[in-house]
Protein backbone atom coordinates (compact mmCIF):
# COMPACT_ATOMS: atom_id res chain seq x y z
CA UNK A 1 -23.28 -4.67 16.13
CA UNK A 2 -20.21 -4.68 13.83
CA UNK A 3 -19.04 -8.01 15.13
CA UNK A 4 -22.46 -9.49 14.56
CA UNK A 5 -22.53 -8.08 11.02
CA UNK A 6 -18.95 -9.33 10.39
CA UNK A 7 -19.98 -12.88 11.62
CA UNK A 8 -22.98 -12.89 9.43
CA UNK A 9 -21.21 -11.66 6.28
CA UNK A 10 -18.60 -14.42 6.86
CA UNK A 11 -21.18 -16.94 5.82
CA UNK A 12 -22.96 -14.85 3.13
CA UNK A 13 -23.56 -16.56 -0.14
CA UNK A 14 -23.10 -15.02 -3.55
CA UNK A 15 -26.19 -12.85 -3.37
CA UNK A 16 -27.47 -10.79 -0.59
CA UNK A 17 -28.83 -7.36 0.32
CA UNK A 18 -27.14 -4.71 2.52
CA UNK A 19 -30.09 -2.88 4.03
CA UNK A 20 -30.30 0.67 5.27
CA UNK A 21 -26.93 1.91 4.25
CA UNK A 22 -25.89 5.60 4.06
CA UNK A 23 -23.88 6.40 1.01
CA UNK A 24 -22.04 9.70 0.34
CA UNK A 25 -23.67 11.06 -2.83
CA UNK A 26 -20.24 11.57 -4.50
CA UNK A 27 -19.75 7.84 -4.44
CA UNK A 28 -23.22 6.90 -6.04
CA UNK A 29 -24.06 9.60 -8.73
CA UNK A 30 -26.62 7.24 -10.39
CA UNK A 31 -28.45 6.22 -7.15
CA UNK A 32 -32.16 6.99 -6.57
CA UNK A 33 -33.32 9.63 -4.18
CA UNK A 34 -31.98 12.96 -2.89
CA UNK A 35 -29.07 13.32 -0.34
CA UNK A 36 -29.74 14.61 3.07
CA UNK A 37 -28.11 17.78 4.74
CA UNK A 38 -24.87 15.73 5.12
CA UNK A 39 -24.87 14.72 1.42
CA UNK A 40 -25.84 11.14 2.31
CA UNK A 41 -28.18 8.88 0.35
CA UNK A 42 -30.09 6.11 2.26
CA UNK A 43 -30.29 2.99 0.27
CA UNK A 44 -30.56 -0.78 0.11
CA UNK A 45 -27.70 -2.25 -1.94
CA UNK A 46 -27.90 -5.69 -3.70
CA UNK A 47 -24.79 -7.83 -4.09
CA UNK A 48 -24.53 -10.66 -6.67
CA UNK A 49 -21.60 -12.70 -7.78
CA UNK A 50 -19.14 -10.19 -6.41
CA UNK A 51 -20.63 -7.15 -7.97
CA UNK A 52 -23.12 -4.47 -7.12
CA UNK A 53 -26.36 -5.57 -8.71
CA UNK A 54 -28.71 -2.75 -7.59
CA UNK A 55 -29.02 0.48 -5.58
CA UNK A 56 -32.57 0.73 -4.43
CA UNK A 57 -34.49 3.14 -2.16
CA UNK A 58 -34.46 2.29 1.56
CA UNK A 59 -37.15 -0.32 2.29
CA UNK A 60 -36.87 -2.02 -1.09
CA UNK A 61 -35.31 -5.17 0.45
CA UNK A 62 -37.42 -7.45 2.49
CA UNK A 63 -34.43 -9.41 3.78
CA UNK A 64 -30.63 -9.25 4.08
CA UNK A 65 -27.97 -7.76 6.43
CA UNK A 66 -29.12 -4.84 8.29
CA UNK A 67 -26.64 -1.89 8.42
CA UNK A 68 -28.77 0.13 10.79
CA UNK A 69 -28.05 3.32 8.87
CA UNK A 70 -24.35 2.90 8.82
CA UNK A 71 -22.22 4.31 5.96
CA UNK A 72 -21.20 2.16 2.98
CA UNK A 73 -18.39 3.24 0.62
CA UNK A 74 -16.67 1.87 -2.43
CA UNK A 75 -13.05 0.91 -1.91
CA UNK A 76 -10.98 4.18 -2.06
CA UNK A 77 -8.00 4.98 -4.26
CA UNK A 78 -4.63 6.50 -3.18
CA UNK A 79 -3.36 8.49 -6.09
CA UNK A 80 -0.01 9.79 -4.78
CA UNK A 81 2.37 7.73 -2.51
CA UNK A 82 5.97 6.69 -2.17
CA UNK A 83 6.18 3.06 -1.43
CA UNK A 84 9.94 2.88 -2.17
CA UNK A 85 10.55 5.38 0.71
CA UNK A 86 8.07 4.11 3.25
CA UNK A 87 8.94 2.96 6.77
CA UNK A 88 12.53 4.08 6.85
CA UNK A 89 11.89 6.51 9.68
CA UNK A 90 13.11 4.37 12.47
CA UNK A 91 16.72 4.19 10.85
CA UNK A 92 16.57 7.50 9.05
CA UNK A 93 14.66 10.18 11.06
CA UNK A 94 14.51 13.63 9.68
CA UNK A 95 16.77 15.73 12.11
CA UNK A 96 14.86 18.93 11.56
CA UNK A 97 11.45 17.75 10.21
CA UNK A 98 11.82 20.21 7.27
CA UNK A 99 11.80 19.62 3.45
CA UNK A 100 15.55 19.97 2.99
CA UNK A 101 16.23 17.68 5.89
CA UNK A 102 13.98 15.10 4.32
CA UNK A 103 15.83 15.31 1.02
CA UNK A 104 19.14 14.94 2.62
CA UNK A 105 18.18 12.11 4.98
CA UNK A 106 16.36 10.13 2.28
CA UNK A 107 19.31 10.47 -0.19
CA UNK A 108 21.79 9.09 2.37
CA UNK A 109 19.53 6.12 3.28
CA UNK A 110 18.85 5.33 -0.39
CA UNK A 111 22.56 5.30 -1.22
CA UNK A 112 23.32 3.05 1.76
CA UNK A 113 20.44 0.74 2.13
CA UNK A 114 17.95 0.54 -0.77
CA UNK A 115 18.59 -3.03 -1.91
CA UNK A 116 15.88 -4.91 -3.73
CA UNK A 117 15.15 -6.96 -0.60
CA UNK A 118 14.90 -3.90 1.58
CA UNK A 119 12.45 -2.12 -0.75
CA UNK A 120 10.39 -5.12 -1.25
CA UNK A 121 9.88 -5.80 2.45
CA UNK A 122 8.93 -2.14 3.15
CA UNK A 123 6.66 -1.89 0.02
CA UNK A 124 4.92 -5.17 0.74
CA UNK A 125 4.32 -4.00 4.31
CA UNK A 126 2.73 -0.81 3.12
CA UNK A 127 0.58 -2.72 0.58
CA UNK A 128 -0.70 -4.97 3.23
CA UNK A 129 -1.66 -1.94 5.45
CA UNK A 130 -3.53 -0.40 2.58
CA UNK A 131 -5.24 -3.67 1.67
CA UNK A 132 -6.43 -4.24 5.33
CA UNK A 133 -7.85 -0.65 5.34
CA UNK A 134 -9.77 -1.31 2.09
CA UNK A 135 -7.78 0.54 -0.63
CA UNK A 136 -8.26 -0.85 -4.01
CA UNK A 137 -5.63 1.14 -6.08
CA UNK A 138 -2.44 2.94 -5.44
CA UNK A 139 -0.10 5.16 -7.53
CA UNK A 140 3.39 5.26 -6.28
CA UNK A 141 6.19 7.55 -7.25
CA UNK A 142 9.53 5.85 -7.53
CA UNK A 143 12.95 7.66 -7.09
CA UNK A 144 14.35 7.13 -10.55
CA UNK A 145 18.11 7.64 -10.49
CA UNK A 146 19.58 5.48 -13.20
CA UNK A 147 22.16 3.99 -10.81
CA UNK A 148 19.39 2.06 -9.08
CA UNK A 149 16.26 2.75 -11.22
CA UNK A 150 16.25 -0.62 -13.10
CA UNK A 151 16.29 -2.46 -9.89
CA UNK A 152 13.44 -0.35 -8.44
CA UNK A 153 11.30 -0.55 -11.53
CA UNK A 154 11.84 -4.23 -11.99
CA UNK A 155 10.84 -4.89 -8.38
CA UNK A 156 7.73 -2.85 -8.60
CA UNK A 157 6.62 -4.45 -11.89
CA UNK A 158 6.84 -7.78 -9.89
CA UNK A 159 4.90 -6.24 -7.05
CA UNK A 160 2.29 -5.00 -9.42
CA UNK A 161 1.76 -8.39 -10.84
CA UNK A 162 1.70 -10.02 -7.38
CA UNK A 163 -0.88 -7.80 -6.09
CA UNK A 164 -3.08 -7.77 -9.10
CA UNK A 165 -6.66 -8.46 -8.15
CA UNK A 166 -6.12 -7.08 -4.72
CA UNK A 167 -4.60 -3.61 -5.29
CA UNK A 168 -4.18 -2.00 -8.73
CA UNK A 169 -0.65 -0.66 -8.52
CA UNK A 170 0.60 2.22 -10.82
CA UNK A 171 4.12 3.44 -11.03
CA UNK A 172 5.52 6.92 -11.71
CA UNK A 173 9.10 8.28 -12.09
CA UNK A 174 10.28 11.05 -9.88
CA UNK A 175 13.48 12.95 -10.68
CA UNK A 176 14.42 16.63 -10.76
CA UNK A 177 13.29 18.50 -13.92
CA UNK A 178 16.85 19.30 -15.18
CA UNK A 179 17.61 15.49 -15.34
CA UNK A 180 15.28 15.11 -18.47
CA UNK A 181 17.24 17.54 -20.48
CA UNK A 182 19.60 15.02 -22.17
CA UNK A 183 20.26 11.36 -22.67
CA UNK A 184 19.32 10.58 -19.07
CA UNK A 185 15.83 12.01 -19.74
CA UNK A 186 15.46 9.63 -22.82
CA UNK A 187 16.54 6.70 -20.64
CA UNK A 188 14.11 7.45 -17.86
CA UNK A 189 11.23 7.96 -20.32
CA UNK A 190 12.11 4.71 -22.11
CA UNK A 191 12.23 2.80 -18.77
CA UNK A 192 8.83 4.22 -17.77
CA UNK A 193 7.26 3.31 -21.15
CA UNK A 194 8.66 -0.26 -21.08
CA UNK A 195 7.08 -0.74 -17.64
CA UNK A 196 3.75 0.75 -18.63
CA UNK A 197 4.20 3.60 -16.16
CA UNK A 198 3.54 7.30 -15.89
CA UNK A 199 6.22 9.92 -16.52
CA UNK A 200 6.85 12.10 -13.50
CA UNK A 201 9.21 14.69 -12.20
CA UNK A 202 9.59 17.44 -9.59
CA UNK A 203 9.63 21.11 -10.56
CA UNK A 204 12.82 21.85 -8.88
CA UNK A 205 16.44 21.34 -10.02
CA UNK A 206 18.91 18.68 -8.75
CA UNK A 207 20.14 19.54 -5.28
CA UNK A 208 17.57 22.43 -4.89
CA UNK A 209 14.28 23.09 -3.19
CA UNK A 210 11.11 24.56 -4.78
CA UNK A 211 11.86 28.28 -5.13
CA UNK A 212 12.18 30.83 -7.95
CA UNK A 213 12.06 29.26 -11.38
CA UNK A 214 15.33 29.21 -13.32
CA UNK A 215 15.50 31.11 -16.65
CA UNK A 216 15.38 27.84 -18.67
CA UNK A 217 12.49 26.48 -16.85
CA UNK A 218 10.04 26.60 -19.77
CA UNK A 219 12.38 24.90 -22.29
CA UNK A 220 12.90 22.13 -19.80
CA UNK A 221 9.25 21.66 -19.33
CA UNK A 222 8.83 21.58 -23.10
CA UNK A 223 11.38 18.85 -23.34
CA UNK A 224 9.67 16.81 -20.62
CA UNK A 225 6.31 17.07 -22.40
CA UNK A 226 7.93 16.03 -25.62
CA UNK A 227 9.34 12.89 -23.98
CA UNK A 228 5.88 11.96 -22.72
CA UNK A 229 4.11 12.73 -26.07
CA UNK A 230 6.62 10.55 -28.10
CA UNK A 231 5.80 7.54 -25.89
CA UNK A 232 2.03 8.19 -25.38
CA UNK A 233 2.67 8.53 -21.52
CA UNK A 234 0.51 10.34 -18.96
CA UNK A 235 2.21 12.84 -16.69
CA UNK A 236 2.27 13.21 -12.92
CA UNK A 237 4.24 16.12 -11.40
CA UNK A 238 5.47 17.25 -7.88
CA UNK A 239 4.77 21.01 -8.18
CA UNK A 240 5.75 24.07 -6.09
CA UNK A 241 6.12 22.09 -2.71
CA UNK A 242 7.11 25.13 -0.71
CA UNK A 243 5.83 28.51 0.75
CA UNK A 244 8.04 30.47 -1.64
CA UNK A 245 6.20 32.94 -3.82
CA UNK A 246 8.82 32.45 -6.55
CA UNK A 247 7.76 28.80 -6.93
CA UNK A 248 5.34 29.31 -9.87
CA UNK A 249 5.71 26.14 -11.74
CA UNK A 250 1.97 25.25 -11.82
CA UNK A 251 0.94 28.04 -14.23
CA UNK A 252 3.86 27.26 -16.56
CA UNK A 253 2.89 23.57 -16.62
CA UNK A 254 -0.69 24.55 -17.56
CA UNK A 255 0.58 26.99 -20.29
CA UNK A 256 2.87 24.38 -21.84
CA UNK A 257 0.07 21.73 -21.80
CA UNK A 258 -2.27 24.27 -23.52
CA UNK A 259 0.28 25.32 -26.12
CA UNK A 260 1.11 21.74 -27.02
CA UNK A 261 -2.49 20.45 -26.85
CA UNK A 262 -1.24 17.68 -24.71
CA UNK A 263 -3.68 14.75 -24.90
CA UNK A 264 -2.67 12.60 -21.97
CA UNK A 265 -3.76 12.83 -18.41
CA UNK A 266 -1.86 15.35 -16.18
CA UNK A 267 -1.97 15.25 -12.42
CA UNK A 268 -0.11 17.80 -10.22
CA UNK A 269 0.60 17.24 -6.63
CA UNK A 270 1.27 19.59 -3.74
CA UNK A 271 1.06 23.14 -5.43
CA UNK A 272 1.59 24.55 -1.94
CA UNK A 273 2.90 27.93 -2.98
CA UNK A 274 -0.22 28.85 -4.68
CA UNK A 275 -1.64 29.72 -1.25
CA UNK A 276 0.98 32.44 -0.79
CA UNK A 277 0.58 34.10 -4.22
CA UNK A 278 -1.31 37.31 -4.92
CA UNK A 279 -5.00 36.68 -5.38
CA UNK A 280 -5.04 37.85 -9.03
CA UNK A 281 -2.11 35.54 -9.88
CA UNK A 282 -3.69 32.52 -8.00
CA UNK A 283 -7.09 33.06 -9.80
CA UNK A 284 -5.39 33.28 -13.23
CA UNK A 285 -3.26 30.13 -12.50
CA UNK A 286 -6.37 28.20 -11.35
CA UNK A 287 -8.17 29.33 -14.62
CA UNK A 288 -5.37 28.02 -16.81
CA UNK A 289 -5.19 24.73 -14.83
CA UNK A 290 -8.88 24.22 -15.31
CA UNK A 291 -8.56 25.06 -18.98
CA UNK A 292 -5.75 22.51 -19.53
CA UNK A 293 -7.86 19.75 -17.74
CA UNK A 294 -5.08 19.20 -15.17
CA UNK A 295 -6.21 17.35 -11.97
CA UNK A 296 -4.71 18.21 -8.57
CA UNK A 297 -3.78 15.78 -5.74
CA UNK A 298 -3.44 17.42 -2.23
CA UNK A 299 -1.22 15.80 0.48
CA UNK A 300 -2.58 17.56 3.56
CA UNK A 301 -0.88 15.54 6.29
CA UNK A 302 2.62 15.60 4.79
CA UNK A 303 2.44 19.25 3.59
CA UNK A 304 1.21 20.46 7.04
CA UNK A 305 4.07 18.46 8.67
CA UNK A 306 6.87 19.87 6.40
CA UNK A 307 5.84 23.39 5.40
CA UNK A 308 6.58 26.48 7.56
CA UNK A 309 8.59 24.43 10.09
CA UNK A 310 11.31 26.17 11.96
CA UNK A 311 12.90 25.42 15.33
CA UNK A 312 11.19 27.04 18.32
CA UNK A 313 8.56 28.80 16.01
CA UNK A 314 4.94 28.03 15.58
CA UNK A 315 3.92 27.58 12.01
CA UNK A 316 1.99 30.36 10.51
CA UNK A 317 0.23 28.59 7.67
CA UNK A 318 -1.10 25.05 6.86
CA UNK A 319 1.14 24.34 3.98
CA UNK A 320 -1.69 23.25 1.57
CA UNK A 321 -3.06 24.58 -1.67
CA UNK A 322 -6.35 26.36 -2.71
CA UNK A 323 -8.63 23.35 -2.89
CA UNK A 324 -11.96 25.12 -2.58
CA UNK A 325 -11.06 27.60 -5.26
CA UNK A 326 -9.88 24.79 -7.55
CA UNK A 327 -13.04 22.78 -7.07
CA UNK A 328 -15.12 25.92 -7.74
CA UNK A 329 -13.27 26.28 -11.05
CA UNK A 330 -14.23 22.70 -12.06
CA UNK A 331 -10.84 21.05 -11.28
CA UNK A 332 -10.79 17.54 -10.13
CA UNK A 333 -9.19 17.52 -6.69
CA UNK A 334 -8.01 14.36 -4.90
CA UNK A 335 -6.53 13.69 -1.41
CA UNK A 336 -3.78 11.02 -0.98
CA UNK A 337 -1.40 9.56 1.70
CA UNK A 338 1.89 10.75 0.13
CA UNK A 339 4.82 9.61 2.39
CA UNK A 340 4.29 7.16 5.25
CA UNK A 341 6.79 6.96 8.12
CA UNK A 342 9.81 8.27 6.31
CA UNK A 343 11.72 11.54 6.44
CA UNK A 344 9.05 13.50 4.64
CA UNK A 345 6.28 12.46 7.12
CA UNK A 346 6.98 10.52 10.29
CA UNK A 347 3.38 9.13 10.59
CA UNK A 348 0.58 7.50 8.59
CA UNK A 349 -0.66 3.90 7.78
CA UNK A 350 -1.84 4.00 4.25
CA UNK A 351 -5.42 4.56 5.38
CA UNK A 352 -7.64 6.79 3.24
CA UNK A 353 -10.25 7.11 5.97
CA UNK A 354 -7.57 8.82 8.01
CA UNK A 355 -6.55 10.94 5.10
CA UNK A 356 -10.17 12.15 4.59
CA UNK A 357 -10.63 12.66 8.28
CA UNK A 358 -7.45 14.83 8.62
CA UNK A 359 -7.98 16.45 5.27
CA UNK A 360 -11.49 17.53 6.34
CA UNK A 361 -10.04 19.32 9.42
CA UNK A 362 -7.04 20.82 7.66
CA UNK A 363 -8.78 21.95 4.57
CA UNK A 364 -12.25 22.63 5.98
CA UNK A 365 -14.04 20.09 3.69
CA UNK A 366 -17.21 20.56 5.59
CA UNK A 367 -20.19 22.78 6.30
CA UNK A 368 -21.32 21.61 3.71
CA UNK A 369 -19.82 18.24 3.16
CA UNK A 370 -21.38 18.17 -0.26
CA UNK A 371 -19.27 16.33 -2.77
CA UNK A 372 -16.01 16.29 -0.76
CA UNK A 373 -16.05 12.41 -0.21
CA UNK A 374 -15.21 12.15 -4.00
CA UNK A 375 -11.65 13.26 -3.23
CA UNK A 376 -10.83 9.57 -2.26
CA UNK A 377 -13.15 7.89 -4.74
CA UNK A 378 -14.23 9.05 -8.24
CA UNK A 379 -11.74 11.94 -8.44
CA UNK A 380 -8.50 9.81 -8.01
CA UNK A 381 -10.08 7.09 -10.19
CA UNK A 382 -10.48 9.62 -13.01
CA UNK A 383 -6.86 10.81 -12.53
CA UNK A 384 -5.56 7.30 -12.61
CA UNK A 385 -7.78 6.31 -15.51
CA UNK A 386 -9.50 3.49 -13.52
CA UNK A 387 -13.06 2.39 -13.44
CA UNK A 388 -13.40 2.35 -9.70
CA UNK A 389 -14.43 4.58 -6.75
CA UNK A 390 -18.09 4.62 -7.35
CA UNK A 391 -21.16 2.48 -6.49
CA UNK A 392 -23.19 1.55 -9.49
CA UNK A 393 -24.78 -1.50 -10.90
CA UNK A 394 -22.03 -3.75 -12.40
CA UNK A 395 -19.20 -2.25 -10.31
CA UNK A 396 -17.03 -4.66 -8.19
CA UNK A 397 -18.37 -5.11 -4.71
CA UNK A 398 -15.15 -3.86 -3.05
CA UNK A 399 -16.75 -2.13 -0.16
CA UNK A 400 -16.20 -0.45 3.24
CA UNK A 401 -18.90 -0.80 5.85
CA UNK A 402 -18.99 1.55 8.86
CA UNK A 403 -21.13 1.72 11.99
CA UNK A 404 -21.01 5.47 11.77
CA UNK A 405 -24.01 7.14 10.31
CA UNK A 406 -23.47 10.81 9.76
CA UNK A 407 -20.21 12.51 8.59
CA UNK A 408 -19.29 13.84 12.04
CA UNK A 409 -19.64 10.30 13.49
CA UNK A 410 -17.50 8.94 10.76
CA UNK A 411 -14.79 11.63 11.04
CA UNK A 412 -14.62 11.63 14.87
CA UNK A 413 -13.15 8.15 15.29
CA UNK A 414 -10.56 6.11 13.32
CA UNK A 415 -13.20 3.52 12.18
CA UNK A 416 -10.90 0.70 13.25
CA UNK A 417 -13.94 -1.65 13.34
CA UNK A 418 -14.76 -1.16 9.70
CA UNK A 419 -15.71 -4.13 7.59
CA UNK A 420 -13.96 -4.60 4.27
CA UNK A 421 -15.56 -6.53 1.41
CA UNK A 422 -13.77 -7.63 -1.56
CA UNK A 423 -15.73 -8.95 -4.54
CA UNK A 424 -18.59 -9.23 -2.03
CA UNK A 425 -16.66 -11.50 0.34
CA UNK A 426 -15.52 -10.60 3.81
CA UNK A 427 -11.77 -9.72 3.95
CA UNK A 428 -10.15 -11.10 7.03
CA UNK A 429 -7.05 -9.00 7.12
CA UNK A 430 -5.43 -6.71 9.63
CA UNK A 431 -2.61 -4.17 9.32
CA UNK A 432 0.75 -5.86 9.97
CA UNK A 433 2.71 -5.38 13.12
CA UNK A 434 5.51 -2.75 12.79
CA UNK A 435 7.86 -5.20 14.53
CA UNK A 436 8.00 -7.17 11.18
CA UNK A 437 10.38 -4.38 9.98
CA UNK A 438 12.71 -4.40 13.00
CA UNK A 439 15.35 -6.20 10.98
CA UNK A 440 15.60 -3.36 8.53
CA UNK A 441 16.05 -0.78 11.19
CA UNK A 442 18.23 -2.56 13.78
CA UNK A 443 15.31 -3.17 16.02
CA UNK A 444 14.75 0.54 16.53
CA UNK A 445 11.07 1.39 17.15
CA UNK A 446 9.63 4.29 15.14
């Protein structure tokens, strides 16, 4: 069926109907009708001149391409990745599989091998993976040590331009919080502003991990916010990425944002330690995060891989934050790929269908499914400030078509036979072969 549909769409003109499509309600807030028990709307969708022209009730179209009840999505958005690190695993495996091992292994590989050509080959590979899977926008964090930062940011500005029209690429700095205290912080912020990026950091100190906050944590946060405010920059932070109860940066970030009346967008990622805090502290933190308008991006595959790992011991917790409680408080929650085939996560393929599938299992985003599909569509779009991730008249016809009908059908298989449309045209693209990167790893397979 999918091959017949693919062949038919290859010869589609500028205007056509996609008949009998099921659409998760989170992706089509203005569509007619009521969702079923799995939060799916059943629609006929009109495409004209590369855009969605109409969302009509099932049976409205007398002709067109029959989807036989299969699902239709807008192109998803990946709001937290690390394209500069990606695909170094074959040459730089994490010896212990834990967070500190990832930091140490990545630092050594960066110092020895991250030339412009090396980063470009790996990032372009990752972008081609994401493009083939149907992703329309990516935000990447870039390790921003001034010794190599200008090379990194120059390269990714060039990649952003080269990929414009295929993937909207955003860039975020990443450096420990203490490095923003002096002249280096000014230089990083200026570099980010010049590139039209987002100011980012991690809520740990240089050489450390996410544990008890240092006494001068709040003044350093104030300084970081001031750097962003002076340049009109949005903020994106790696927060409390551990199972340590002393890692309590998220609440402090919310309190600083509220005191300052910060007007930019704030996204915080990970926030793992919230799951091990006392209930009253967790509830109060979530309330302050909601009040500050902070959005949260959760990285379920990477965090479950890294957190609570010890040799010979089965992990006791999943390493992820309190997404259900956050959504109940009105906080916008997204899921994202995070690291792909590097010391922080040995797996992955820049595929947001996989991220939602695994996230559903890890985080129990089901029973009911209501609204959870939005974590790879409108929620990251809002966090990134992009008009994407929803189906509505006038939106670009960047679409994913699936044979799967219900949510359990969709989430039970990899959906490798999905059809991707870009501007209403069939995308003939496949994920690249990992052997392309052999020259960067001495031919070692991952």
